[in-house]
């Protein structure tokens, strides 16, 4: 998607070429201009064309034909814009619903009391320690649980975007950095290139240059199960979305049923909204998929192309019969045909809003960056942790009574965190040297890859 500057009598738009569709209409315009010149140079034909009684008494029939072709193009362009705008809205609704679910999951699980109206922050010392009353149930403390949920939600949104843009390569899912970097420049093929912007090669190169960042990256175990099923058959991108959604649901249910935290204390009618909004997000995902999987109807597309090329071939001949100045004939034929083809090309680009044909596609990578930023914000509260040690709980008393057992649990937890933060060779990515982040527990793939 291109953000552009208005004003200055439109000169900023006039002199911008990247992202425009009219260059691809130059060739048909030149073809029409060439036909006009050839007909004008062929004297016998030109003499006949100049005599209105013998060739064209009135251009009404051609005007009617031109109006029909223009109406076809206008309808196609309006439909393409409607698909583009509907896809953008469905994409935002999908993300907002999943974000609502994560916000509830983080908030429902946070501890607190009357002195903390915003509950415990994710980075507080209390969020790192076992829960005061339910810590003996096991499971990770609040901070690590939030990190797991945020990671799965980020991965869910990422694989959904991969499905929409028809990207099957899991290598295009990379760990999110602690700085938002602009995607690499998209390969651009001009109208005279031997490679079409609609080719598979262009789409593959575009996907490789615009990788999707995931908070915590893609873990090795996740990559293995997302790649192929138990029979060794590659999974479709849609199946990956369903699988990761199942992981998110399972993680939330495990927290509610078996682990420590405040989630199980939340009233069931309130807690049910958590699962409802995630389901709503999936519903909007399928609405978004409508524009990705269902192309513009072929019969209409084919009819538009047939009528447009008939118009391209007829226009220079008819204009030669009305205008007798050769320069005016040529320029008129070129401009009219190029305009019609430019309108058609605009519809071709807009009707597939997720595919990176050119810079006018929806900014999926930027949207993923935005989602990641908002996911990280759910655990931050506008209140500092009160001074003093956190209240002692049953688990801490057991730790004091059994120091050897506490040491073993500490080592076990350390090993679990090593697994969570491990595998720097995954995807062949090097970790950035500075990994300062408000959410260090999301350094999943390498001990330096910050979210």
Foldseek 3Di string as FASTA:
>chain_A
DDDFDDDPPCPRVVPDDAPAQLLLLQVLLVVLLVVLVVCLVPVVSLVQLQDCVRHNVDCPVVVVLVVVLVVLLVVLQVVLQVLLVLLVVLLVLLLVLLLVLLLCLLQQFAADDPVDPSGAFLPDPCQQDADFEFSVLDDGGSNLLLLVLQQLSLVLLQLLLCQLQVNQDLLLEFAAFPDDDDFADQDDDTSPGPDALPDPVSLVSRSNRQRAHTQLTQAPVNVVCQQADPVRHGDHSVVNSVVSLVVSVVSSVCCCPGHDGRNVVDDVVVNVSSVVSNVVSVVSSVVSCCLRPPADDPVSVVVSVVSLVVCSNVQLSNLSSVDVDSVCSSVVSSVVSSVSVSSNSSSVVSSSQSHCSGVNHDPSRVVSVVSSVSSVPSSDDPDDDDDDDDDHHPVNVVCVVPVVVVVVVVVVVVVVLCQQQEAQPVSPDDADPAQDDPRCSSNGYHNRRHD
